[in-house]
Amino acid sequence: MCVCSCKPSYDSSLTDAQWAVIEPLLPRRDPRRAGRPLKFPRRLVVDTVLYVLVTGCAWRLVPYDLAPWDAAYRWFRAWSADGTWSRVHDALREKVRAADGRDPQPSAAVLDSQSVRSHQGGQAVGYDAGKRVWGRKRHLLVDTCGLVLRAVVHSASVQDRAGAKLVLAGIRELFPQLGLVWVDGGYVNVVDAGLVGWAADREGLEIVAVPRNADVKGFRVLPRRWVVERAFAWLGRCRRLARDYERKTAHAEAMIKVAMIRLMAARLAGEEIEPRGPIETEAARCLADDLNNQ
């Protein structure tokens, strides 16, 4: 067995260029406040978290050449509680938007949800009768590039319109220029159109529904809505997010942000992953056409 102290190299590990993007945004230990020095490098800790995220393995099953699982989980839990993952995620999103020639503050967004099965219970677990899924819902609000603005994880039993209010409540304080949100027909229908009035009165947002053509069978790229669907596909690359394995919803939301941090760091480092499969290839083509027509 190798006993050297070489840096482990896995497909999930950060490259040097990606680490150079993330490292300045992580909290640093202040030597003036005393305390013991770090036993494990922060890069090794982040690589361990990414290994769990990408491979979907249990914390206790991480390889021995990464950080011990309890140390990595302790850092993941601490950075989830103090908002470190959120700060790094938001800083990278603004950098990606600026690199694309866009205003760091978005003016339009797309909203949708995804029901996923939970594993062995946990906080806020319920049954989605429409999708026939026992677990949780991931509600994502993304900008027109597909970057996550806010992610809220709640019980699958919560209806989409009620979940949308959890996502949109106070959103203008974070994004003052946001004024338009595209949704699917399930958020706005003849039975309950209260979300439209609530968003206009409380948040000053215009909700626009993009309906699906009932005559078209199978997959079809829909205007605007495909952007958030592609964001879910990005998350699907990480096997930890294939199901909801987290006991707490805060940790489930943090895993979504870590997945987006990995994606945005690769993009800023010039190592963006090329689209794979017909759906992502078609979505990339639509994005290019959409940007050229603006």
C-alpha atoms as a PDB file:
ATOM      1  CA  MET A   1       0.000   0.000   0.000  1.00  0.00           C
ATOM      2  CA  CYS A   2       1.261   3.455  -0.891  1.00  0.00           C
ATOM      3  CA  VAL A   3       2.322   5.399   2.173  1.00  0.00           C
ATOM      4  CA  CYS A   4       3.411   8.559   0.366  1.00  0.00           C
ATOM      5  CA  SER A   5       1.796  11.909   1.032  1.00  0.00           C
ATOM      6  CA  CYS A   6       1.024  12.683  -2.615  1.00  0.00           C
ATOM      7  CA  LYS A   7      -2.162  14.553  -3.434  1.00  0.00           C
ATOM      8  CA  PRO A   8      -4.983  12.178  -4.398  1.00  0.00           C
ATOM      9  CA  SER A   9      -6.287  12.542  -7.921  1.00  0.00           C
ATOM     10  CA  TYR A  10      -9.892  11.650  -8.648  1.00  0.00           C
ATOM     11  CA  ASP A  11     -12.202  12.857 -11.382  1.00  0.00           C
ATOM     12  CA  SER A  12     -14.084  14.762  -8.692  1.00  0.00           C
ATOM     13  CA  SER A  13     -10.968  16.519  -7.334  1.00  0.00           C
ATOM     14  CA  LEU A  14     -10.330  20.172  -8.064  1.00  0.00           C
ATOM     15  CA  THR A  15      -7.686  21.068 -10.594  1.00  0.00           C
ATOM     16  CA  ASP A  16      -5.070  23.691  -9.715  1.00  0.00           C
ATOM     17  CA  ALA A  17      -6.891  26.268 -11.818  1.00  0.00           C
ATOM     18  CA  GLN A  18     -10.226  25.532 -10.145  1.00  0.00           C
ATOM     19  CA  TRP A  19      -8.673  25.704  -6.680  1.00  0.00           C
ATOM     20  CA  ALA A  20      -7.140  29.082  -7.562  1.00  0.00           C
ATOM     21  CA  VAL A  21     -10.681  30.336  -8.208  1.00  0.00           C
ATOM     22  CA  ILE A  22     -12.195  28.951  -4.997  1.00  0.00           C
ATOM     23  CA  GLU A  23      -9.377  29.288  -2.478  1.00  0.00           C
ATOM     24  CA  PRO A  24      -9.486  33.113  -2.022  1.00  0.00           C
ATOM     25  CA  LEU A  25     -13.205  32.914  -1.190  1.00  0.00           C
ATOM     26  CA  LEU A  26     -12.891  30.412   1.665  1.00  0.00           C
ATOM     27  CA  PRO A  27     -12.539  31.664   5.259  1.00  0.00           C
ATOM     28  CA  ARG A  28      -9.002  31.851   6.565  1.00  0.00           C
ATOM     29  CA  ARG A  29      -7.753  31.070  10.026  1.00  0.00           C
ATOM     30  CA  ASP A  30      -6.642  34.190  11.882  1.00  0.00           C
ATOM     31  CA  PRO A  31      -3.389  33.351  13.752  1.00  0.00           C
ATOM     32  CA  ARG A  32      -3.999  36.282  16.116  1.00  0.00           C
ATOM     33  CA  ARG A  33      -7.018  34.450  17.560  1.00  0.00           C
ATOM     34  CA  ALA A  34      -4.815  31.526  18.590  1.00  0.00           C
ATOM     35  CA  GLY A  35      -6.171  27.988  18.356  1.00  0.00           C
ATOM     36  CA  ARG A  36      -4.614  24.927  16.840  1.00  0.00           C
ATOM     37  CA  PRO A  37      -3.408  24.999  13.227  1.00  0.00           C
ATOM     38  CA  LEU A  38      -5.435  23.115  10.657  1.00  0.00           C
ATOM     39  CA  LYS A  39      -4.686  19.403  10.674  1.00  0.00           C
ATOM     40  CA  PHE A  40      -5.968  18.832   7.136  1.00  0.00           C
ATOM     41  CA  PRO A  41      -5.527  21.255   4.217  1.00  0.00           C
ATOM     42  CA  ARG A  42      -8.684  22.989   3.096  1.00  0.00           C
ATOM     43  CA  ARG A  43      -8.215  21.756  -0.445  1.00  0.00           C
ATOM     44  CA  LEU A  44      -8.177  18.164   0.779  1.00  0.00           C
ATOM     45  CA  VAL A  45     -11.357  18.801   2.748  1.00  0.00           C
ATOM     46  CA  VAL A  46     -13.093  20.298  -0.293  1.00  0.00           C
ATOM     47  CA  ASP A  47     -11.922  17.393  -2.458  1.00  0.00           C
ATOM     48  CA  THR A  48     -13.412  14.973   0.072  1.00  0.00           C
ATOM     49  CA  VAL A  49     -16.764  16.768   0.015  1.00  0.00           C
ATOM     50  CA  LEU A  50     -16.700  16.739  -3.790  1.00  0.00           C
ATOM     51  CA  TYR A  51     -15.906  13.011  -3.805  1.00  0.00           C
ATOM     52  CA  VAL A  52     -19.022  12.328  -1.725  1.00  0.00           C
ATOM     53  CA  LEU A  53     -21.074  14.662  -3.930  1.00  0.00           C
ATOM     54  CA  VAL A  54     -19.972  13.305  -7.301  1.00  0.00           C
ATOM     55  CA  THR A  55     -19.736   9.583  -6.501  1.00  0.00           C
ATOM     56  CA  GLY A  56     -22.738   9.453  -4.175  1.00  0.00           C
ATOM     57  CA  CYS A  57     -20.922   7.331  -1.594  1.00  0.00           C
ATOM     58  CA  ALA A  58     -21.591   7.461   2.148  1.00  0.00           C
ATOM     59  CA  TRP A  59     -19.392   9.740   4.224  1.00  0.00           C
ATOM     60  CA  ARG A  60     -17.894   6.782   6.056  1.00  0.00           C
ATOM     61  CA  LEU A  61     -16.799   5.187   2.774  1.00  0.00           C
ATOM     62  CA  VAL A  62     -14.492   7.915   1.449  1.00  0.00           C
ATOM     63  CA  PRO A  63     -11.011   6.657   0.442  1.00  0.00           C
ATOM     64  CA  TYR A  64      -8.244   6.754   3.019  1.00  0.00           C
ATOM     65  CA  ASP A  65      -6.068   9.087   0.940  1.00  0.00           C
ATOM     66  CA  LEU A  66      -8.682  11.828   1.334  1.00  0.00           C
ATOM     67  CA  ALA A  67      -9.490  13.632   4.568  1.00  0.00           C
ATOM     68  CA  PRO A  68     -11.105  11.487   7.298  1.00  0.00           C
ATOM     69  CA  TRP A  69     -14.841  11.382   6.771  1.00  0.00           C
ATOM     70  CA  ASP A  70     -15.665  12.863  10.177  1.00  0.00           C
ATOM     71  CA  ALA A  71     -13.339  15.822   9.633  1.00  0.00           C
ATOM     72  CA  ALA A  72     -14.716  16.494   6.145  1.00  0.00           C
ATOM     73  CA  TYR A  73     -18.304  16.194   7.338  1.00  0.00           C
ATOM     74  CA  ARG A  74     -17.574  18.515  10.258  1.00  0.00           C
ATOM     75  CA  TRP A  75     -16.265  21.180   7.862  1.00  0.00           C
ATOM     76  CA  PHE A  76     -19.181  20.657   5.472  1.00  0.00           C
ATOM     77  CA  ARG A  77     -21.648  21.045   8.329  1.00  0.00           C
ATOM     78  CA  ALA A  78     -19.851  24.117   9.744  1.00  0.00           C
ATOM     79  CA  TRP A  79     -19.675  25.857   6.367  1.00  0.00           C
ATOM     80  CA  SER A  80     -23.344  25.086   5.802  1.00  0.00           C
ATOM     81  CA  ALA A  81     -24.280  26.658   9.139  1.00  0.00           C
ATOM     82  CA  ASP A  82     -22.153  29.817   8.838  1.00  0.00           C
ATOM     83  CA  GLY A  83     -23.087  30.481   5.205  1.00  0.00           C
ATOM     84  CA  THR A  84     -19.667  29.850   3.663  1.00  0.00           C
ATOM     85  CA  TRP A  85     -21.036  27.708   0.843  1.00  0.00           C
ATOM     86  CA  SER A  86     -23.622  30.398   0.078  1.00  0.00           C
ATOM     87  CA  ARG A  87     -21.038  33.194   0.003  1.00  0.00           C
ATOM     88  CA  VAL A  88     -18.678  31.266  -2.258  1.00  0.00           C
ATOM     89  CA  HIS A  89     -21.564  30.270  -4.533  1.00  0.00           C
ATOM     90  CA  ASP A  90     -22.900  33.820  -4.842  1.00  0.00           C
ATOM     91  CA  ALA A  91     -19.432  35.281  -5.474  1.00  0.00           C
ATOM     92  CA  LEU A  92     -18.731  32.767  -8.241  1.00  0.00           C
ATOM     93  CA  ARG A  93     -22.127  33.362  -9.841  1.00  0.00           C
ATOM     94  CA  GLU A  94     -21.426  37.075 -10.087  1.00  0.00           C
ATOM     95  CA  LYS A  95     -18.001  36.366 -11.602  1.00  0.00           C
ATOM     96  CA  VAL A  96     -19.481  33.994 -14.178  1.00  0.00           C
ATOM     97  CA  ARG A  97     -22.125  36.525 -15.174  1.00  0.00           C
ATOM     98  CA  ALA A  98     -19.506  39.264 -15.445  1.00  0.00           C
ATOM     99  CA  ALA A  99     -17.271  36.998 -17.545  1.00  0.00           C
ATOM    100  CA  ASP A 100     -20.232  36.432 -19.882  1.00  0.00           C
ATOM    101  CA  GLY A 101     -20.666  40.184 -20.264  1.00  0.00           C
ATOM    102  CA  ARG A 102     -23.804  40.327 -18.125  1.00  0.00           C
ATOM    103  CA  ASP A 103     -24.796  42.462 -15.181  1.00  0.00           C
ATOM    104  CA  PRO A 104     -23.973  40.642 -11.916  1.00  0.00           C
ATOM    105  CA  GLN A 105     -27.557  41.387 -10.831  1.00  0.00           C
ATOM    106  CA  PRO A 106     -30.131  39.466 -12.918  1.00  0.00           C
ATOM    107  CA  SER A 107     -33.346  41.060 -14.136  1.00  0.00           C
ATOM    108  CA  ALA A 108     -35.182  37.846 -15.127  1.00  0.00           C
ATOM    109  CA  ALA A 109     -35.291  34.304 -13.775  1.00  0.00           C
ATOM    110  CA  VAL A 110     -36.895  30.898 -14.272  1.00  0.00           C
ATOM    111  CA  LEU A 111     -38.567  28.874 -11.513  1.00  0.00           C
ATOM    112  CA  ASP A 112     -39.281  25.163 -11.330  1.00  0.00           C
ATOM    113  CA  SER A 113     -39.247  22.234  -8.904  1.00  0.00           C
ATOM    114  CA  GLN A 114     -37.999  18.653  -8.890  1.00  0.00           C
ATOM    115  CA  SER A 115     -39.362  15.879  -6.683  1.00  0.00           C
ATOM    116  CA  VAL A 116     -36.743  13.390  -5.497  1.00  0.00           C
ATOM    117  CA  ARG A 117     -36.979  10.321  -3.325  1.00  0.00           C
ATOM    118  CA  SER A 118     -35.625  10.523   0.195  1.00  0.00           C
ATOM    119  CA  HIS A 119     -33.569   7.823   1.840  1.00  0.00           C
ATOM    120  CA  GLN A 120     -34.326   6.688   5.399  1.00  0.00           C
ATOM    121  CA  GLY A 121     -36.427   9.689   6.319  1.00  0.00           C
ATOM    122  CA  GLY A 122     -35.102  12.911   7.750  1.00  0.00           C
ATOM    123  CA  GLN A 123     -36.397  16.440   8.125  1.00  0.00           C
ATOM    124  CA  ALA A 124     -39.373  17.651   6.033  1.00  0.00           C
ATOM    125  CA  VAL A 125     -40.252  14.478   4.131  1.00  0.00           C
ATOM    126  CA  GLY A 126     -43.654  14.006   2.494  1.00  0.00           C
ATOM    127  CA  TYR A 127     -45.550  12.492  -0.419  1.00  0.00           C
ATOM    128  CA  ASP A 128     -45.991  14.134  -3.817  1.00  0.00           C
ATOM    129  CA  ALA A 129     -49.258  12.647  -5.075  1.00  0.00           C
ATOM    130  CA  GLY A 130     -48.781  14.059  -8.573  1.00  0.00           C
ATOM    131  CA  LYS A 131     -45.342  12.509  -9.135  1.00  0.00           C
ATOM    132  CA  ARG A 132     -45.984   9.613  -6.740  1.00  0.00           C
ATOM    133  CA  VAL A 133     -42.731  10.305  -4.942  1.00  0.00           C
ATOM    134  CA  TRP A 134     -42.071  10.032  -1.212  1.00  0.00           C
ATOM    135  CA  GLY A 135     -39.353  12.498  -0.393  1.00  0.00           C
ATOM    136  CA  ARG A 136     -38.572  16.147  -0.930  1.00  0.00           C
ATOM    137  CA  LYS A 137     -38.879  18.864  -3.548  1.00  0.00           C
ATOM    138  CA  ARG A 138     -36.014  20.959  -4.805  1.00  0.00           C
ATOM    139  CA  HIS A 139     -37.230  24.379  -5.826  1.00  0.00           C
ATOM    140  CA  LEU A 140     -34.742  26.265  -7.994  1.00  0.00           C
ATOM    141  CA  LEU A 141     -34.806  29.873  -9.110  1.00  0.00           C
ATOM    142  CA  VAL A 142     -32.180  30.304 -11.831  1.00  0.00           C
ATOM    143  CA  ASP A 143     -31.118  33.210 -14.007  1.00  0.00           C
ATOM    144  CA  THR A 144     -31.320  33.107 -17.802  1.00  0.00           C
ATOM    145  CA  CYS A 145     -27.915  31.379 -17.915  1.00  0.00           C
ATOM    146  CA  GLY A 146     -29.113  28.568 -15.633  1.00  0.00           C
ATOM    147  CA  LEU A 147     -27.113  29.681 -12.601  1.00  0.00           C
ATOM    148  CA  VAL A 148     -28.894  29.183  -9.290  1.00  0.00           C
ATOM    149  CA  LEU A 149     -30.160  32.319  -7.579  1.00  0.00           C
ATOM    150  CA  ARG A 150     -31.939  30.546  -4.739  1.00  0.00           C
ATOM    151  CA  ALA A 151     -32.464  26.886  -3.878  1.00  0.00           C
ATOM    152  CA  VAL A 152     -35.072  25.791  -1.348  1.00  0.00           C
ATOM    153  CA  VAL A 153     -35.590  22.161  -0.341  1.00  0.00           C
ATOM    154  CA  HIS A 154     -38.897  21.290   1.330  1.00  0.00           C
ATOM    155  CA  SER A 155     -41.310  18.418   1.723  1.00  0.00           C
ATOM    156  CA  ALA A 156     -42.613  16.872  -1.482  1.00  0.00           C
ATOM    157  CA  SER A 157     -46.136  17.248  -0.097  1.00  0.00           C
ATOM    158  CA  VAL A 158     -45.926  21.051  -0.438  1.00  0.00           C
ATOM    159  CA  GLN A 159     -47.705  22.221  -3.593  1.00  0.00           C
ATOM    160  CA  ASP A 160     -45.688  24.062  -6.225  1.00  0.00           C
ATOM    161  CA  ARG A 161     -47.483  27.375  -5.682  1.00  0.00           C
ATOM    162  CA  ALA A 162     -46.824  27.273  -1.939  1.00  0.00           C
ATOM    163  CA  GLY A 163     -43.230  26.240  -2.542  1.00  0.00           C
ATOM    164  CA  ALA A 164     -42.784  29.098  -5.005  1.00  0.00           C
ATOM    165  CA  LYS A 165     -43.680  31.560  -2.260  1.00  0.00           C
ATOM    166  CA  LEU A 166     -40.898  30.088  -0.100  1.00  0.00           C
ATOM    167  CA  VAL A 167     -38.444  30.737  -2.914  1.00  0.00           C
ATOM    168  CA  LEU A 168     -39.659  34.200  -3.919  1.00  0.00           C
ATOM    169  CA  ALA A 169     -40.220  35.636  -0.424  1.00  0.00           C
ATOM    170  CA  GLY A 170     -37.698  38.438   0.082  1.00  0.00           C
ATOM    171  CA  ILE A 171     -35.991  37.784  -3.252  1.00  0.00           C
ATOM    172  CA  ARG A 172     -35.999  41.464  -4.236  1.00  0.00           C
ATOM    173  CA  GLU A 173     -33.807  42.255  -1.236  1.00  0.00           C
ATOM    174  CA  LEU A 174     -31.155  39.957  -2.694  1.00  0.00           C
ATOM    175  CA  PHE A 175     -31.720  40.873  -6.339  1.00  0.00           C
ATOM    176  CA  PRO A 176     -33.190  44.392  -6.587  1.00  0.00           C
ATOM    177  CA  GLN A 177     -33.274  44.368 -10.408  1.00  0.00           C
ATOM    178  CA  LEU A 178     -35.254  41.133 -10.662  1.00  0.00           C
ATOM    179  CA  GLY A 179     -38.661  41.834 -12.158  1.00  0.00           C
ATOM    180  CA  LEU A 180     -39.711  38.871 -14.315  1.00  0.00           C
ATOM    181  CA  VAL A 181     -40.019  35.168 -13.480  1.00  0.00           C
ATOM    182  CA  TRP A 182     -40.979  32.475 -15.973  1.00  0.00           C
ATOM    183  CA  VAL A 183     -42.822  29.406 -14.648  1.00  0.00           C
ATOM    184  CA  ASP A 184     -44.712  26.438 -16.062  1.00  0.00           C
ATOM    185  CA  GLY A 185     -48.461  26.142 -16.204  1.00  0.00           C
ATOM    186  CA  GLY A 186     -48.697  24.364 -12.859  1.00  0.00           C
ATOM    187  CA  TYR A 187     -47.928  27.586 -11.003  1.00  0.00           C
ATOM    188  CA  VAL A 188     -50.641  29.582 -12.754  1.00  0.00           C
ATOM    189  CA  ASN A 189     -53.970  27.924 -13.573  1.00  0.00           C
ATOM    190  CA  VAL A 190     -57.690  28.579 -13.444  1.00  0.00           C
ATOM    191  CA  VAL A 191     -58.025  26.858 -10.064  1.00  0.00           C
ATOM    192  CA  ASP A 192     -55.501  28.997  -8.197  1.00  0.00           C
ATOM    193  CA  ALA A 193     -53.910  32.101  -9.703  1.00  0.00           C
ATOM    194  CA  GLY A 194     -53.037  33.584  -6.308  1.00  0.00           C
ATOM    195  CA  LEU A 195     -49.290  33.316  -6.887  1.00  0.00           C
ATOM    196  CA  VAL A 196     -49.431  35.970  -9.600  1.00  0.00           C
ATOM    197  CA  GLY A 197     -51.123  38.527  -7.352  1.00  0.00           C
ATOM    198  CA  TRP A 198     -49.006  37.628  -4.352  1.00  0.00           C
ATOM    199  CA  ALA A 199     -45.766  38.059  -6.319  1.00  0.00           C
ATOM    200  CA  ALA A 200     -46.889  41.395  -7.748  1.00  0.00           C
ATOM    201  CA  ASP A 201     -48.054  42.806  -4.406  1.00  0.00           C
ATOM    202  CA  ARG A 202     -45.354  41.431  -2.088  1.00  0.00           C
ATOM    203  CA  GLU A 203     -42.269  41.307  -4.297  1.00  0.00           C
ATOM    204  CA  GLY A 204     -43.076  43.449  -7.331  1.00  0.00           C
ATOM    205  CA  LEU A 205     -42.516  40.475  -9.656  1.00  0.00           C
ATOM    206  CA  GLU A 206     -44.275  39.622 -12.878  1.00  0.00           C
ATOM    207  CA  ILE A 207     -45.029  35.908 -13.179  1.00  0.00           C
ATOM    208  CA  VAL A 208     -45.264  34.645 -16.771  1.00  0.00           C
ATOM    209  CA  ALA A 209     -46.358  31.076 -17.493  1.00  0.00           C
ATOM    210  CA  VAL A 210     -44.811  29.174 -20.401  1.00  0.00           C
ATOM    211  CA  PRO A 211     -47.331  26.390 -21.140  1.00  0.00           C
ATOM    212  CA  ARG A 212     -46.526  23.076 -22.732  1.00  0.00           C
ATOM    213  CA  ASN A 213     -48.206  22.086 -25.981  1.00  0.00           C
ATOM    214  CA  ALA A 214     -50.430  19.142 -25.067  1.00  0.00           C
ATOM    215  CA  ASP A 215     -50.426  17.890 -28.668  1.00  0.00           C
ATOM    216  CA  VAL A 216     -46.655  17.308 -28.657  1.00  0.00           C
ATOM    217  CA  LYS A 217     -45.485  13.989 -27.270  1.00  0.00           C
ATOM    218  CA  GLY A 218     -42.086  13.258 -25.737  1.00  0.00           C
ATOM    219  CA  PHE A 219     -39.243  15.666 -25.038  1.00  0.00           C
ATOM    220  CA  ARG A 220     -39.543  19.182 -26.403  1.00  0.00           C
ATOM    221  CA  VAL A 221     -37.381  22.215 -25.688  1.00  0.00           C
ATOM    222  CA  LEU A 222     -39.690  24.931 -24.365  1.00  0.00           C
ATOM    223  CA  PRO A 223     -38.820  28.642 -24.412  1.00  0.00           C
ATOM    224  CA  ARG A 224     -37.179  29.797 -21.188  1.00  0.00           C
ATOM    225  CA  ARG A 225     -38.239  26.698 -19.255  1.00  0.00           C
ATOM    226  CA  TRP A 226     -35.445  24.590 -20.722  1.00  0.00           C
ATOM    227  CA  VAL A 227     -32.935  26.750 -18.837  1.00  0.00           C
ATOM    228  CA  VAL A 228     -34.014  25.485 -15.427  1.00  0.00           C
ATOM    229  CA  GLU A 229     -34.389  21.951 -16.765  1.00  0.00           C
ATOM    230  CA  ARG A 230     -30.759  22.100 -17.851  1.00  0.00           C
ATOM    231  CA  ALA A 231     -29.819  23.270 -14.350  1.00  0.00           C
ATOM    232  CA  PHE A 232     -31.446  20.130 -12.938  1.00  0.00           C
ATOM    233  CA  ALA A 233     -29.464  18.114 -15.501  1.00  0.00           C
ATOM    234  CA  TRP A 234     -26.254  19.741 -14.230  1.00  0.00           C
ATOM    235  CA  LEU A 235     -27.135  18.669 -10.707  1.00  0.00           C
ATOM    236  CA  GLY A 236     -27.903  15.191 -11.975  1.00  0.00           C
ATOM    237  CA  ARG A 237     -24.240  14.719 -12.866  1.00  0.00           C
ATOM    238  CA  CYS A 238     -23.606  14.394  -9.132  1.00  0.00           C
ATOM    239  CA  ARG A 239     -24.833  11.047  -7.877  1.00  0.00           C
ATOM    240  CA  ARG A 240     -25.346  12.317  -4.350  1.00  0.00           C
ATOM    241  CA  LEU A 241     -28.185  14.384  -5.809  1.00  0.00           C
ATOM    242  CA  ALA A 242     -29.801  11.463  -7.630  1.00  0.00           C
ATOM    243  CA  ARG A 243     -31.707  10.973  -4.386  1.00  0.00           C
ATOM    244  CA  ASP A 244     -31.948  13.094  -1.270  1.00  0.00           C
ATOM    245  CA  TYR A 245     -29.654  11.409   1.241  1.00  0.00           C
ATOM    246  CA  GLU A 246     -29.362  14.358   3.629  1.00  0.00           C
ATOM    247  CA  ARG A 247     -31.051  14.262   7.007  1.00  0.00           C
ATOM    248  CA  LYS A 248     -31.473  18.045   7.085  1.00  0.00           C
ATOM    249  CA  THR A 249     -32.876  20.287   4.374  1.00  0.00           C
ATOM    250  CA  ALA A 250     -30.101  22.826   5.037  1.00  0.00           C
ATOM    251  CA  HIS A 251     -27.520  20.195   4.093  1.00  0.00           C
ATOM    252  CA  ALA A 252     -29.529  19.266   0.999  1.00  0.00           C
ATOM    253  CA  GLU A 253     -29.505  22.920  -0.087  1.00  0.00           C
ATOM    254  CA  ALA A 254     -25.770  23.124   0.644  1.00  0.00           C
ATOM    255  CA  MET A 255     -25.084  20.112  -1.596  1.00  0.00           C
ATOM    256  CA  ILE A 256     -26.843  21.899  -4.461  1.00  0.00           C
ATOM    257  CA  LYS A 257     -24.617  24.933  -3.939  1.00  0.00           C
ATOM    258  CA  VAL A 258     -21.464  22.802  -3.769  1.00  0.00           C
ATOM    259  CA  ALA A 259     -22.424  21.189  -7.091  1.00  0.00           C
ATOM    260  CA  MET A 260     -22.869  24.625  -8.667  1.00  0.00           C
ATOM    261  CA  ILE A 261     -19.599  25.846  -7.113  1.00  0.00           C
ATOM    262  CA  ARG A 262     -17.786  22.983  -8.817  1.00  0.00           C
ATOM    263  CA  LEU A 263     -19.433  23.787 -12.146  1.00  0.00           C
ATOM    264  CA  MET A 264     -18.792  27.533 -11.980  1.00  0.00           C
ATOM    265  CA  ALA A 265     -15.181  27.113 -10.821  1.00  0.00           C
ATOM    266  CA  ALA A 266     -14.524  24.899 -13.836  1.00  0.00           C
ATOM    267  CA  ARG A 267     -16.111  27.481 -16.123  1.00  0.00           C
ATOM    268  CA  LEU A 268     -14.053  30.343 -14.683  1.00  0.00           C
ATOM    269  CA  ALA A 269     -10.911  28.222 -14.961  1.00  0.00           C
ATOM    270  CA  GLY A 270     -11.572  27.687 -18.655  1.00  0.00           C
ATOM    271  CA  GLU A 271     -12.293  24.000 -18.142  1.00  0.00           C
ATOM    272  CA  GLU A 272     -16.005  23.939 -18.847  1.00  0.00           C
ATOM    273  CA  ILE A 273     -17.351  20.459 -19.546  1.00  0.00           C
ATOM    274  CA  GLU A 274     -18.730  19.999 -23.031  1.00  0.00           C
ATOM    275  CA  PRO A 275     -22.407  18.981 -23.363  1.00  0.00           C
ATOM    276  CA  ARG A 276     -23.065  15.262 -23.274  1.00  0.00           C
ATOM    277  CA  GLY A 277     -26.027  13.495 -24.805  1.00  0.00           C
ATOM    278  CA  PRO A 278     -28.741  14.765 -27.162  1.00  0.00           C
ATOM    279  CA  ILE A 279     -30.701  16.711 -24.543  1.00  0.00           C
ATOM    280  CA  GLU A 280     -27.776  18.780 -23.279  1.00  0.00           C
ATOM    281  CA  THR A 281     -26.472  19.279 -26.825  1.00  0.00           C
ATOM    282  CA  GLU A 282     -29.867  20.582 -27.937  1.00  0.00           C
ATOM    283  CA  ALA A 283     -30.097  22.800 -24.844  1.00  0.00           C
ATOM    284  CA  ALA A 284     -26.644  24.252 -25.571  1.00  0.00           C
ATOM    285  CA  ARG A 285     -27.674  24.969 -29.150  1.00  0.00           C
ATOM    286  CA  CYS A 286     -30.872  26.687 -27.975  1.00  0.00           C
ATOM    287  CA  LEU A 287     -28.875  28.789 -25.507  1.00  0.00           C
ATOM    288  CA  ALA A 288     -26.521  29.940 -28.244  1.00  0.00           C
ATOM    289  CA  ASP A 289     -29.440  30.820 -30.532  1.00  0.00           C
ATOM    290  CA  ASP A 290     -31.233  32.592 -27.685  1.00  0.00           C
ATOM    291  CA  LEU A 291     -28.186  34.698 -26.853  1.00  0.00           C
ATOM    292  CA  ASN A 292     -27.582  35.584 -30.516  1.00  0.00           C
ATOM    293  CA  ASN A 293     -31.186  36.755 -30.907  1.00  0.00           C
ATOM    294  CA  GLN A 294     -31.084  39.067 -27.900  1.00  0.00           C
END
